[in-house]
Amino acid sequence: MKRNKKINFNGLLQFLNRTRKELDRCIEAKAYLAGCVLIGAMTEFLLMAMIRMFPDIVYRRGRKVGEYWTLKALNDFAKECGWFNNEVFDASERIRLNRNLLHPNWYASRKPKRITRHMLKAREDDFQKVYDCITGWVI
């Protein structure tokens, strides 16, 4: 099966709408960690879409669209090339750090962070900043 590497904006919106509904389910179920992970996935998806929509920017900066991108590398790249200002970069980094709470070594520490509804709401607000910034580039 051949994968289409072009980004369809309607497909992007469809994915985000579906994940926002899933996020609502996470909140109802009090699955706040799952919600933080989902917001991290949404952020990563948006940034990967930007990489694919603007390959000329990627190649001009000596990178490749098909290389392995971590969310940290995507955040750094978005700031470096001007997609993110400092405020949006910081919001995306908070999302990344909360998403990383999934890793077991966070829970092995003496005082693991408690994942609460308040934390999830804060990450939703951060995601809205990222989303608004990205759509400003695309629309």
Protein backbone atom coordinates (compact mmCIF):
# COMPACT_ATOMS: atom_id res chain seq x y z
CA MET A 1 0.00 0.00 0.00
CA LYS A 2 1.43 3.35 -1.02
CA ARG A 3 1.10 6.14 1.53
CA ASN A 4 0.18 9.61 0.35
CA LYS A 5 2.74 11.99 1.85
CA LYS A 6 0.86 15.16 0.95
CA ILE A 7 -1.15 16.80 3.67
CA ASN A 8 -4.85 17.27 3.12
CA PHE A 9 -6.03 20.18 5.27
CA ASN A 10 -9.50 18.65 5.64
CA GLY A 11 -7.89 15.41 6.83
CA LEU A 12 -5.87 17.40 9.35
CA LEU A 13 -9.01 19.06 10.71
CA GLN A 14 -10.83 15.72 10.79
CA PHE A 15 -8.02 14.21 12.89
CA LEU A 16 -8.03 17.15 15.28
CA ASN A 17 -11.81 17.06 15.67
CA ARG A 18 -11.70 13.33 16.41
CA THR A 19 -8.92 13.73 18.97
CA ARG A 20 -10.70 16.63 20.67
CA LYS A 21 -13.71 14.32 21.16
CA GLU A 22 -11.36 11.70 22.62
CA LEU A 23 -9.94 14.36 24.90
CA ASP A 24 -13.45 15.09 26.19
CA ARG A 25 -13.82 11.37 26.93
CA CYS A 26 -10.54 11.42 28.85
CA ILE A 27 -11.82 14.28 30.99
CA GLU A 28 -15.13 12.50 31.68
CA ALA A 29 -13.28 9.33 32.65
CA LYS A 30 -10.78 11.30 34.78
CA ALA A 31 -8.00 9.86 32.62
CA TYR A 32 -5.86 12.98 32.85
CA LEU A 33 -2.57 11.32 31.96
CA ALA A 34 -4.15 9.86 28.83
CA GLY A 35 -5.43 13.34 27.96
CA CYS A 36 -1.92 14.82 28.36
CA VAL A 37 -0.51 12.10 26.10
CA LEU A 38 -3.23 12.77 23.52
CA ILE A 39 -2.49 16.51 23.52
CA GLY A 40 1.18 15.65 22.96
CA ALA A 41 0.21 13.47 20.01
CA MET A 42 -1.96 16.25 18.59
CA THR A 43 0.93 18.71 18.87
CA GLU A 44 3.35 16.30 17.24
CA PHE A 45 0.84 15.63 14.45
CA LEU A 46 0.46 19.35 13.75
CA LEU A 47 4.20 19.91 13.61
CA MET A 48 4.76 16.89 11.36
CA ALA A 49 2.06 18.28 9.08
CA MET A 50 3.97 21.58 8.94
CA ILE A 51 7.16 19.71 8.03
CA ARG A 52 5.33 18.03 5.16
CA MET A 53 3.57 21.22 4.02
CA PHE A 54 6.75 23.27 3.93
CA PRO A 55 9.50 20.85 2.83
CA ASP A 56 11.47 23.69 1.19
CA ILE A 57 11.99 25.28 4.63
CA VAL A 58 13.09 21.93 6.04
CA TYR A 59 15.61 21.26 3.26
CA ARG A 60 16.96 24.82 3.33
CA ARG A 61 17.87 24.30 6.97
CA GLY A 62 19.79 21.11 6.20
CA ARG A 63 17.14 18.72 7.50
CA LYS A 64 15.03 16.05 5.78
CA VAL A 65 11.29 15.60 5.87
CA GLY A 66 11.64 11.83 6.27
CA GLU A 67 14.16 11.89 9.11
CA TYR A 68 13.26 10.79 12.63
CA TRP A 69 11.68 13.73 14.43
CA THR A 70 11.07 13.81 18.17
CA LEU A 71 8.65 16.32 19.63
CA LYS A 72 11.65 18.14 21.14
CA ALA A 73 13.31 18.35 17.70
CA LEU A 74 10.04 19.53 16.14
CA ASN A 75 9.60 22.22 18.79
CA ASP A 76 13.18 23.41 18.35
CA PHE A 77 12.81 23.44 14.57
CA ALA A 78 9.53 25.38 14.74
CA LYS A 79 11.18 28.04 16.90
CA GLU A 80 14.34 28.11 14.79
CA CYS A 81 12.49 28.69 11.52
CA GLY A 82 10.06 31.22 12.98
CA TRP A 83 6.88 29.17 13.13
CA PHE A 84 6.82 29.56 16.93
CA ASN A 85 7.46 32.66 18.98
CA ASN A 86 8.80 32.26 22.54
CA GLU A 87 5.33 32.01 24.11
CA VAL A 88 4.14 29.26 21.75
CA PHE A 89 7.47 27.43 22.03
CA ASP A 90 7.15 27.41 25.83
CA ALA A 91 3.56 26.15 25.56
CA SER A 92 4.65 23.33 23.26
CA GLU A 93 7.51 22.41 25.58
CA ARG A 94 5.10 22.18 28.54
CA ILE A 95 2.97 19.84 26.45
CA ARG A 96 6.02 17.72 25.66
CA LEU A 97 7.12 17.54 29.28
CA ASN A 98 3.65 16.54 30.46
CA ARG A 99 3.41 13.93 27.73
CA ASN A 100 6.69 12.48 28.98
CA LEU A 101 5.08 11.82 32.36
CA LEU A 102 3.95 8.57 30.77
CA HIS A 103 7.47 7.15 31.10
CA PRO A 104 7.94 4.83 34.10
CA ASN A 105 11.07 6.58 35.35
CA TRP A 106 8.90 9.61 36.26
CA TYR A 107 6.94 7.37 38.61
CA ALA A 108 10.07 5.81 40.05
CA SER A 109 11.16 9.18 41.42
CA ARG A 110 10.61 10.09 45.05
CA LYS A 111 7.84 12.60 44.39
CA PRO A 112 6.19 11.96 41.05
CA LYS A 113 4.02 14.77 39.74
CA ARG A 114 0.32 14.30 40.26
CA ILE A 115 -1.61 14.53 37.03
CA THR A 116 -4.80 16.48 37.68
CA ARG A 117 -7.70 17.95 35.79
CA HIS A 118 -6.11 21.37 36.32
CA MET A 119 -2.89 20.21 34.65
CA LEU A 120 -4.82 18.79 31.70
CA LYS A 121 -6.80 22.03 31.34
CA ALA A 122 -3.54 24.00 31.32
CA ARG A 123 -2.18 21.75 28.56
CA GLU A 124 -5.41 22.23 26.58
CA ASP A 125 -4.83 25.98 26.81
CA ASP A 126 -1.24 25.46 25.67
CA PHE A 127 -2.43 23.37 22.74
CA GLN A 128 -4.83 26.12 21.72
CA LYS A 129 -1.84 28.50 21.48
CA VAL A 130 0.04 26.00 19.31
CA TYR A 131 -3.03 25.37 17.16
CA ASP A 132 -3.72 29.08 16.63
CA CYS A 133 -0.08 29.67 15.70
CA ILE A 134 0.03 26.80 13.21
CA THR A 135 -3.28 27.67 11.57
CA GLY A 136 -1.99 31.21 11.20
CA TRP A 137 0.74 29.82 8.95
CA VAL A 138 -1.54 27.51 6.99
CA ILE A 139 -4.72 29.50 6.45
